[in-house]
N, C-alpha and C. Protein backbone atom coordinates (compact mmCIF):
# COMPACT_ATOMS: atom_id res chain seq x y z
N MET A 1 94.38 118.11 198.45
CA MET A 1 95.33 117.32 197.50
C MET A 1 94.75 116.22 196.86
N LYS A 2 95.03 115.96 195.68
CA LYS A 2 94.47 114.78 194.83
C LYS A 2 95.29 113.58 194.95
N ARG A 3 94.64 112.44 195.14
CA ARG A 3 95.21 111.12 195.27
C ARG A 3 95.38 110.47 194.09
N ALA A 4 96.41 109.84 193.84
CA ALA A 4 96.72 109.00 192.74
C ALA A 4 95.75 107.78 192.66
N LEU A 5 95.22 107.21 191.71
CA LEU A 5 94.38 105.98 191.64
C LEU A 5 95.21 104.76 191.76
N SER A 6 94.74 103.70 192.62
CA SER A 6 95.39 102.61 192.79
C SER A 6 95.55 101.97 191.40
N PRO A 7 96.42 100.81 191.30
CA PRO A 7 96.47 100.30 189.94
C PRO A 7 95.34 99.59 189.49
N PRO A 8 94.39 98.80 190.22
CA PRO A 8 93.25 98.23 189.79
C PRO A 8 92.24 99.33 189.38
N ARG A 9 91.95 100.39 190.14
CA ARG A 9 91.29 101.51 189.61
C ARG A 9 91.69 102.15 188.27
N ARG A 10 93.06 102.25 188.20
CA ARG A 10 93.60 102.86 186.89
C ARG A 10 93.38 101.96 185.69
N ARG A 11 93.54 100.67 185.96
CA ARG A 11 93.25 99.80 184.88
C ARG A 11 91.56 99.85 184.47
N PHE A 12 90.75 99.90 185.59
CA PHE A 12 89.36 99.99 185.38
C PHE A 12 88.98 101.22 184.50
N ALA A 13 89.64 102.40 185.04
CA ALA A 13 89.30 103.71 184.17
C ALA A 13 89.88 103.57 182.80
N LEU A 14 90.99 102.89 182.62
CA LEU A 14 91.51 102.84 181.39
C LEU A 14 90.65 102.08 180.40
N ALA A 15 90.14 100.90 181.04
CA ALA A 15 89.16 99.98 180.23
C ALA A 15 87.87 100.53 179.88
N ILE A 16 87.30 101.60 180.71
CA ILE A 16 86.17 102.25 180.35
C ILE A 16 86.56 103.30 179.31
N ALA A 17 87.63 103.97 179.51
CA ALA A 17 87.90 104.97 178.30
C ALA A 17 88.33 104.44 177.10
N SER A 18 88.76 103.10 176.91
CA SER A 18 88.96 102.30 175.79
C SER A 18 87.63 102.04 175.25
N THR A 19 86.71 101.36 176.14
CA THR A 19 85.41 101.05 175.56
C THR A 19 84.64 102.15 175.00
N VAL A 20 84.71 103.15 175.57
CA VAL A 20 83.85 104.35 175.02
C VAL A 20 84.66 104.73 173.84
N THR A 21 85.95 104.89 173.59
CA THR A 21 86.56 105.23 172.44
C THR A 21 86.25 104.34 171.29
N ILE A 22 86.39 103.07 171.57
CA ILE A 22 85.87 101.72 170.55
C ILE A 22 84.41 102.14 170.09
N ALA A 23 83.52 102.36 170.95
CA ALA A 23 82.17 102.44 170.63
C ALA A 23 81.76 103.73 169.72
N LEU A 24 82.69 104.93 170.05
CA LEU A 24 82.43 106.06 169.21
C LEU A 24 83.06 105.79 167.81
N ALA A 25 84.24 105.22 167.76
CA ALA A 25 84.78 104.86 166.57
C ALA A 25 84.04 104.04 165.86
N SER A 26 83.53 102.96 166.35
CA SER A 26 82.45 102.14 165.46
C SER A 26 81.27 102.94 165.04
N ALA A 27 80.65 103.76 165.94
CA ALA A 27 79.56 104.52 165.46
C ALA A 27 80.00 105.41 164.38
N LEU A 28 81.29 106.00 164.24
CA LEU A 28 81.62 106.89 163.37
C LEU A 28 81.77 106.00 161.85
N VAL A 29 82.32 105.00 162.00
CA VAL A 29 82.59 103.97 160.90
C VAL A 29 81.23 103.69 160.20
N ALA A 30 80.44 103.31 161.16
CA ALA A 30 79.07 102.85 160.55
C ALA A 30 78.36 104.13 159.90
N PHE A 31 78.46 105.29 160.44
CA PHE A 31 77.97 106.51 159.91
C PHE A 31 78.42 106.70 158.52
N ALA A 32 79.74 106.54 158.51
CA ALA A 32 80.55 106.80 157.28
C ALA A 32 80.26 105.86 155.99
N ASN A 33 79.74 104.84 156.33
CA ASN A 33 79.55 103.61 155.29
C ASN A 33 78.34 104.05 154.49
N VAL A 34 78.44 105.02 153.55
CA VAL A 34 77.49 105.34 152.62
C VAL A 34 77.70 104.53 151.34
N PRO A 35 76.59 104.17 150.77
CA PRO A 35 76.76 103.44 149.57
C PRO A 35 77.20 104.41 148.36
N LEU A 36 78.06 103.91 147.41
CA LEU A 36 78.53 104.62 146.26
C LEU A 36 77.77 104.55 145.07
N THR A 37 77.39 105.56 144.15
CA THR A 37 76.68 105.25 143.03
C THR A 37 77.70 105.46 141.83
N LYS A 38 77.85 104.51 141.02
CA LYS A 38 78.75 104.66 139.92
C LYS A 38 77.76 105.31 138.83
N ILE A 39 78.35 106.61 138.19
CA ILE A 39 77.54 107.27 137.45
C ILE A 39 78.21 107.30 136.00
N LEU A 40 79.47 106.93 135.78
CA LEU A 40 79.99 106.59 134.58
C LEU A 40 80.70 105.25 134.41
N VAL A 41 80.64 104.87 133.37
CA VAL A 41 81.27 103.48 133.03
C VAL A 41 81.78 103.59 131.57
N ASP A 42 83.10 103.14 131.53
CA ASP A 42 83.83 103.24 130.26
C ASP A 42 83.29 102.32 129.38
N PRO A 43 82.65 102.68 128.19
CA PRO A 43 82.12 101.57 127.28
C PRO A 43 83.09 101.17 126.15
N PHE A 44 84.29 101.80 126.13
CA PHE A 44 85.20 101.53 124.93
C PHE A 44 85.81 100.03 125.11
N THR A 45 86.24 99.53 123.82
CA THR A 45 86.80 98.36 123.87
C THR A 45 88.07 98.26 122.77
N ASN A 46 88.56 99.63 122.26
CA ASN A 46 89.56 99.62 121.26
C ASN A 46 90.70 99.10 121.94
N PRO A 47 91.65 98.51 121.30
CA PRO A 47 92.95 97.75 121.97
C PRO A 47 93.97 98.60 122.43
N ASP A 48 93.94 99.78 121.93
CA ASP A 48 95.18 100.75 122.30
C ASP A 48 94.98 101.55 123.54
N SER A 49 93.70 101.63 124.14
CA SER A 49 93.59 102.46 125.32
C SER A 49 93.39 101.44 126.70
N GLN A 50 93.42 102.25 127.82
CA GLN A 50 93.12 101.49 129.07
C GLN A 50 91.72 101.43 129.55
N HIS A 51 91.21 100.39 129.63
CA HIS A 51 89.55 100.43 129.85
C HIS A 51 89.10 100.28 131.30
N LYS A 52 87.96 100.50 131.54
CA LYS A 52 87.35 100.87 132.77
C LYS A 52 87.93 101.95 133.53
N THR A 53 88.42 103.07 132.65
CA THR A 53 88.87 104.23 133.15
C THR A 53 88.09 105.46 132.89
N VAL A 54 87.79 106.16 133.99
CA VAL A 54 87.16 107.53 133.90
C VAL A 54 87.95 108.49 134.60
N VAL A 55 88.51 109.34 134.01
CA VAL A 55 89.53 110.06 134.76
C VAL A 55 89.22 111.80 134.17
N GLU A 56 90.13 112.57 135.18
CA GLU A 56 89.88 113.95 134.88
C GLU A 56 88.52 114.67 134.85
N PRO A 57 87.58 114.02 135.90
CA PRO A 57 86.25 114.51 135.85
C PRO A 57 86.19 116.10 136.09
N ASP A 58 85.07 116.70 135.67
CA ASP A 58 84.61 117.96 136.04
C ASP A 58 83.06 117.99 136.16
N THR A 59 82.59 118.82 137.17
CA THR A 59 81.21 118.89 137.42
C THR A 59 80.86 120.31 137.66
N TYR A 60 79.52 120.51 137.38
CA TYR A 60 78.83 121.88 137.45
C TYR A 60 77.29 121.72 137.87
N SER A 61 76.78 122.57 138.68
CA SER A 61 75.49 122.36 139.03
C SER A 61 74.72 123.67 138.89
N ALA A 62 73.37 123.61 138.44
CA ALA A 62 72.69 124.82 138.52
C ALA A 62 71.22 124.22 138.82
N GLY A 63 70.66 124.71 139.93
CA GLY A 63 69.71 124.54 140.54
C GLY A 63 69.66 122.99 141.12
N SER A 64 68.84 121.97 140.68
CA SER A 64 68.94 120.81 141.16
C SER A 64 69.60 119.82 140.13
N THR A 65 69.92 120.39 139.12
CA THR A 65 70.66 119.73 138.00
C THR A 65 72.18 119.64 138.17
N ILE A 66 72.68 118.59 137.98
CA ILE A 66 74.24 118.34 138.18
C ILE A 66 74.70 117.78 136.75
N VAL A 67 75.76 118.16 136.31
CA VAL A 67 76.27 117.58 135.15
C VAL A 67 77.76 117.25 135.34
N ALA A 68 78.19 116.02 135.02
CA ALA A 68 79.49 115.82 135.17
C ALA A 68 80.14 115.21 133.89
N VAL A 69 81.34 115.44 133.51
CA VAL A 69 82.03 114.99 132.40
C VAL A 69 83.27 114.48 132.72
N ALA A 70 83.75 113.39 131.96
CA ALA A 70 85.25 112.91 132.10
C ALA A 70 85.66 112.31 130.98
N GLN A 71 87.08 111.89 131.04
CA GLN A 71 87.66 111.23 129.92
C GLN A 71 87.31 109.83 130.25
N MET A 72 87.20 108.92 129.18
CA MET A 72 86.83 107.57 129.33
C MET A 72 87.78 106.77 128.38
N GLY A 73 88.27 105.72 128.75
CA GLY A 73 89.23 104.91 127.93
C GLY A 73 90.53 105.62 127.66
N GLN A 74 91.08 106.00 128.74
CA GLN A 74 92.47 106.61 128.87
C GLN A 74 93.48 105.87 128.07
N PHE A 75 94.43 106.77 127.33
CA PHE A 75 95.47 106.20 126.73
C PHE A 75 96.62 106.52 127.61
N SER A 76 97.72 105.62 127.50
CA SER A 76 98.75 105.85 128.64
C SER A 76 99.67 107.01 128.17
N THR A 77 99.64 107.56 126.99
CA THR A 77 100.43 108.71 126.67
C THR A 77 99.72 109.99 126.87
N GLU A 78 98.34 110.25 126.33
CA GLU A 78 97.69 111.49 126.38
C GLU A 78 96.29 111.35 125.92
N GLY A 79 95.44 111.79 126.48
CA GLY A 79 94.12 111.63 125.96
C GLY A 79 93.22 110.39 126.25
N ALA A 80 91.99 110.54 125.58
CA ALA A 80 91.10 109.42 125.85
C ALA A 80 90.33 109.03 124.74
N SER A 81 89.66 107.94 124.77
CA SER A 81 88.98 107.49 123.56
C SER A 81 87.63 108.43 123.22
N GLY A 82 87.24 109.00 124.45
CA GLY A 82 85.89 109.83 124.36
C GLY A 82 85.61 110.49 125.70
N ILE A 83 84.71 111.35 125.68
CA ILE A 83 84.17 112.15 126.75
C ILE A 83 83.00 111.66 127.04
N GLY A 84 82.86 111.44 128.34
CA GLY A 84 81.39 110.79 128.96
C GLY A 84 80.74 111.71 129.68
N PHE A 85 79.39 111.80 129.86
CA PHE A 85 78.70 112.69 130.67
C PHE A 85 77.66 111.99 131.47
N ALA A 86 77.40 112.47 132.55
CA ALA A 86 76.33 111.97 133.55
C ALA A 86 75.54 113.22 134.04
N THR A 87 74.32 112.98 134.06
CA THR A 87 73.36 114.21 134.18
C THR A 87 72.42 113.74 135.48
N SER A 88 72.17 114.66 136.40
CA SER A 88 71.09 114.32 137.30
C SER A 88 70.25 115.53 137.55
N THR A 89 69.12 115.36 137.41
CA THR A 89 68.11 116.64 137.81
C THR A 89 67.33 116.50 138.97
N ASN A 90 67.83 115.81 139.90
CA ASN A 90 67.39 115.52 141.10
C ASN A 90 68.37 115.62 142.39
N ASN A 91 69.07 116.50 142.12
CA ASN A 91 70.37 116.56 143.12
C ASN A 91 71.15 115.24 143.28
N GLY A 92 71.42 114.49 142.22
CA GLY A 92 72.26 113.35 142.41
C GLY A 92 71.34 112.11 142.80
N GLY A 93 70.12 112.11 142.99
CA GLY A 93 69.18 110.89 143.35
C GLY A 93 69.33 109.93 142.23
N THR A 94 69.31 110.30 141.00
CA THR A 94 69.21 109.45 139.81
C THR A 94 70.14 109.94 138.70
N TRP A 95 70.70 109.12 137.92
CA TRP A 95 71.56 109.76 136.94
C TRP A 95 71.35 109.07 135.58
N THR A 96 71.58 109.77 134.41
CA THR A 96 71.57 109.46 133.10
C THR A 96 73.00 109.70 132.55
N SER A 97 73.55 108.74 131.75
CA SER A 97 74.85 108.90 131.30
C SER A 97 75.04 108.47 130.02
N GLY A 98 76.17 108.78 129.15
CA GLY A 98 76.42 108.38 127.85
C GLY A 98 77.68 109.23 127.49
N LEU A 99 77.82 109.33 126.07
CA LEU A 99 79.09 109.68 125.65
C LEU A 99 78.79 111.10 124.55
N LEU A 100 79.56 112.00 124.57
CA LEU A 100 79.34 113.16 123.84
C LEU A 100 79.75 112.66 122.36
N PRO A 101 78.79 112.88 121.51
CA PRO A 101 78.92 112.47 120.08
C PRO A 101 79.72 113.38 119.30
N GLY A 102 80.42 112.45 118.26
CA GLY A 102 81.15 113.29 117.15
C GLY A 102 82.45 113.89 117.43
N ILE A 103 83.00 113.63 118.60
CA ILE A 103 84.40 114.10 118.93
C ILE A 103 85.38 113.25 118.43
N THR A 104 85.49 112.00 118.96
CA THR A 104 86.48 111.04 118.32
C THR A 104 85.96 110.00 117.37
N LYS A 105 86.94 109.37 116.81
CA LYS A 105 86.48 108.15 116.03
C LYS A 105 86.03 107.18 116.70
N TRP A 106 86.11 106.99 118.07
CA TRP A 106 85.75 106.04 118.76
C TRP A 106 84.26 106.34 119.31
N ALA A 107 83.95 107.44 119.31
CA ALA A 107 82.50 107.83 119.74
C ALA A 107 81.67 108.55 118.72
N SER A 108 80.89 107.75 118.10
CA SER A 108 79.92 108.27 116.95
C SER A 108 80.61 109.00 115.69
N GLY A 109 81.81 108.16 115.52
CA GLY A 109 82.55 108.42 114.22
C GLY A 109 82.96 109.92 114.11
N GLY A 110 83.53 110.48 115.24
CA GLY A 110 84.07 111.77 115.06
C GLY A 110 85.50 111.89 114.25
N PRO A 111 86.09 113.03 114.01
CA PRO A 111 87.19 112.96 113.25
C PRO A 111 88.51 112.89 114.03
N ASN A 112 88.44 112.98 115.27
CA ASN A 112 89.71 112.99 116.19
C ASN A 112 90.14 111.53 116.55
N ASP A 113 91.41 111.51 116.90
CA ASP A 113 91.81 110.27 117.60
C ASP A 113 91.54 110.11 118.87
N ARG A 114 91.65 111.26 119.68
CA ARG A 114 91.45 111.30 121.39
C ARG A 114 90.82 112.67 121.55
N ALA A 115 90.51 112.68 122.76
CA ALA A 115 89.96 113.80 123.47
C ALA A 115 90.58 114.09 124.82
N THR A 116 90.42 115.19 125.46
CA THR A 116 91.07 115.40 126.81
C THR A 116 90.41 116.68 127.21
N ASP A 117 90.77 116.73 128.63
CA ASP A 117 90.28 118.12 129.48
C ASP A 117 89.19 118.68 129.25
N ALA A 118 87.99 117.69 129.28
CA ALA A 118 86.51 118.07 129.40
C ALA A 118 86.27 119.16 130.60
N SER A 119 85.57 120.17 130.12
CA SER A 119 85.12 121.18 131.24
C SER A 119 83.74 121.41 130.95
N VAL A 120 82.77 121.47 132.16
CA VAL A 120 81.41 121.62 131.79
C VAL A 120 81.00 123.09 132.37
N ALA A 121 79.98 123.67 131.85
CA ALA A 121 79.33 124.94 132.39
C ALA A 121 78.03 125.04 131.97
N TYR A 122 77.29 125.84 132.66
CA TYR A 122 76.01 126.17 132.26
C TYR A 122 75.60 127.62 131.94
N ASP A 123 75.04 127.81 130.74
CA ASP A 123 74.58 129.05 130.14
C ASP A 123 73.18 129.51 130.49
N ALA A 124 73.06 130.07 131.78
CA ALA A 124 71.66 130.50 132.22
C ALA A 124 70.91 131.18 131.18
N ALA A 125 71.53 132.26 130.60
CA ALA A 125 70.84 133.13 129.50
C ALA A 125 70.26 132.32 128.51
N HIS A 126 70.81 131.38 128.03
CA HIS A 126 70.44 130.62 126.93
C HIS A 126 69.88 129.06 127.27
N LYS A 127 69.95 128.88 128.66
CA LYS A 127 69.43 127.66 129.14
C LYS A 127 70.09 126.34 128.33
N ALA A 128 71.37 126.61 128.42
CA ALA A 128 72.12 125.45 127.66
C ALA A 128 73.31 125.07 128.57
N TRP A 129 73.58 123.84 128.51
CA TRP A 129 74.76 123.15 129.07
C TRP A 129 75.98 123.10 127.95
N LEU A 130 77.25 123.44 128.47
CA LEU A 130 78.15 123.34 127.42
C LEU A 130 79.37 122.67 127.98
N VAL A 131 80.03 121.73 126.98
CA VAL A 131 81.04 120.96 127.60
C VAL A 131 82.32 121.37 126.44
N SER A 132 83.29 121.87 127.02
CA SER A 132 84.38 122.13 126.21
C SER A 132 85.48 120.96 126.37
N SER A 133 86.14 120.69 125.32
CA SER A 133 87.22 119.57 125.43
C SER A 133 88.26 119.85 124.31
N LEU A 134 89.46 119.49 124.60
CA LEU A 134 90.55 119.40 123.38
C LEU A 134 90.57 118.20 122.76
N THR A 135 90.90 118.25 121.37
CA THR A 135 90.98 117.19 120.54
C THR A 135 92.28 117.05 120.08
N LEU A 136 92.74 115.62 119.85
CA LEU A 136 94.19 115.23 119.56
C LEU A 136 94.02 114.36 118.33
N LEU A 137 94.97 114.56 117.34
CA LEU A 137 95.16 113.71 116.35
C LEU A 137 96.69 113.13 116.45
N GLU A 138 96.57 111.84 116.36
CA GLU A 138 98.01 111.09 116.58
C GLU A 138 99.03 111.34 115.80
N ALA A 139 98.85 111.96 114.65
CA ALA A 139 100.03 112.54 113.72
C ALA A 139 100.39 113.93 114.31
N GLY A 140 101.46 114.05 114.36
CA GLY A 140 102.13 115.46 114.76
C GLY A 140 102.65 115.48 116.28
N GLY A 141 102.05 114.77 117.03
CA GLY A 141 102.55 114.59 118.45
C GLY A 141 102.29 115.76 119.04
N VAL A 142 101.35 116.64 119.00
CA VAL A 142 101.16 117.94 119.61
C VAL A 142 100.17 117.59 120.81
N HIS A 143 100.02 118.71 121.80
CA HIS A 143 99.01 118.53 122.88
C HIS A 143 97.65 118.43 122.29
N GLY A 144 97.28 119.54 121.74
CA GLY A 144 95.98 119.60 121.32
C GLY A 144 95.79 120.13 119.95
N ASN A 145 94.94 119.86 119.07
CA ASN A 145 94.69 120.23 117.81
C ASN A 145 93.52 121.36 117.70
N ALA A 146 92.69 121.14 118.49
CA ALA A 146 91.43 122.04 118.48
C ALA A 146 90.73 121.98 119.85
N VAL A 147 89.85 123.10 120.25
CA VAL A 147 88.94 123.16 121.19
C VAL A 147 87.63 122.99 120.59
N VAL A 148 86.83 122.16 121.11
CA VAL A 148 85.36 121.78 120.67
C VAL A 148 84.53 122.02 121.70
N THR A 149 83.47 122.59 121.52
CA THR A 149 82.30 122.77 122.46
C THR A 149 81.08 121.90 121.91
N SER A 150 80.72 121.09 123.00
CA SER A 150 79.40 120.33 122.62
C SER A 150 78.20 121.10 123.47
N ARG A 151 76.95 121.07 122.83
CA ARG A 151 75.86 121.96 123.61
C ARG A 151 74.83 121.04 123.96
N SER A 152 74.01 121.11 124.98
CA SER A 152 72.86 120.43 125.28
C SER A 152 71.64 121.60 125.60
N THR A 153 70.51 121.48 124.93
CA THR A 153 69.55 122.51 125.45
C THR A 153 68.31 121.78 125.97
N ASP A 154 68.57 120.22 126.31
CA ASP A 154 67.54 119.70 127.06
C ASP A 154 67.81 119.34 128.39
N GLY A 155 68.58 120.05 129.06
CA GLY A 155 68.88 119.75 130.43
C GLY A 155 70.14 118.76 130.68
N GLY A 156 70.96 118.68 129.66
CA GLY A 156 72.05 117.86 129.73
C GLY A 156 71.93 116.36 129.23
N PHE A 157 70.57 115.98 128.70
CA PHE A 157 70.38 114.79 128.47
C PHE A 157 70.87 114.26 127.01
N THR A 158 70.76 115.12 125.95
CA THR A 158 71.30 114.76 124.73
C THR A 158 72.32 115.98 124.26
N TRP A 159 73.18 115.74 123.62
CA TRP A 159 74.32 116.68 122.90
C TRP A 159 74.37 116.76 121.65
N GLY A 160 74.42 117.97 121.03
CA GLY A 160 74.60 118.15 119.62
C GLY A 160 76.12 117.86 119.18
N ALA A 161 76.39 117.74 117.91
CA ALA A 161 77.71 117.70 117.30
C ALA A 161 78.69 118.73 117.92
N PRO A 162 79.78 118.41 118.18
CA PRO A 162 80.87 119.45 118.65
C PRO A 162 81.10 120.59 117.57
N VAL A 163 81.31 121.81 118.14
CA VAL A 163 81.64 123.00 117.11
C VAL A 163 82.96 123.33 117.65
N VAL A 164 84.03 123.49 116.58
CA VAL A 164 85.33 123.96 116.69
C VAL A 164 85.22 125.22 117.33
N THR A 165 85.77 125.59 118.37
CA THR A 165 85.75 126.97 118.94
C THR A 165 87.13 127.41 118.93
N ALA A 166 88.30 126.90 118.62
CA ALA A 166 89.55 127.19 118.66
C ALA A 166 90.44 126.29 118.23
N THR A 167 91.47 126.76 117.25
CA THR A 167 92.50 125.69 116.57
C THR A 167 93.86 126.23 117.05
N GLY A 168 94.81 125.33 116.88
CA GLY A 168 96.08 125.55 117.04
C GLY A 168 97.15 124.56 117.06
N GLY A 169 98.28 124.69 116.98
CA GLY A 169 99.30 123.46 116.87
C GLY A 169 99.64 123.06 118.14
N ASP A 170 99.46 123.78 119.24
CA ASP A 170 99.91 123.08 120.68
C ASP A 170 99.03 123.68 121.70
N LEU A 171 97.70 123.37 121.55
CA LEU A 171 96.74 123.92 122.70
C LEU A 171 97.00 122.80 123.81
N ASP A 172 97.10 123.54 124.96
CA ASP A 172 97.21 122.77 126.23
C ASP A 172 96.05 122.96 127.31
N LYS A 173 95.28 124.01 127.27
CA LYS A 173 94.21 124.14 128.05
C LYS A 173 93.18 124.83 127.16
N ASN A 174 91.90 124.18 127.37
CA ASN A 174 90.81 124.83 126.72
C ASN A 174 90.05 126.09 127.40
């Protein structure tokens, strides 16, 4: 028959168990304290969008290259001032970032008021990175006016002017 611990021994056992639990929890917290790397920063200053915003990201990797895209300079109603990209060719060790040119009036004088829903993919057959985005014009109040595709053939570091790949009055997903 098993004996119950006396109150002093029970307190001692509880103290040991508590100490071990705290030590393990502290080790896990210390282990989880990994430094964060900021790979995109909103560069826009236009007065009608919210700044320091990078939202709705998408990422894709091929080999050791990772390309991330996101909306930057988010408007409170819909869309953003532009689409940003960040590229790493060493599995996320270092990053190069910038804006996709020619999509919005805020980013390299594009024709559109806003951009949204960026999605990135890699075309292995042509060794090209592709970013598809919806464009928005403020007149008309529709979801999307066109789907545009930006292309990079140098590993995701520089991007060509966007090409319109679809048009419509109420596009919601590219």
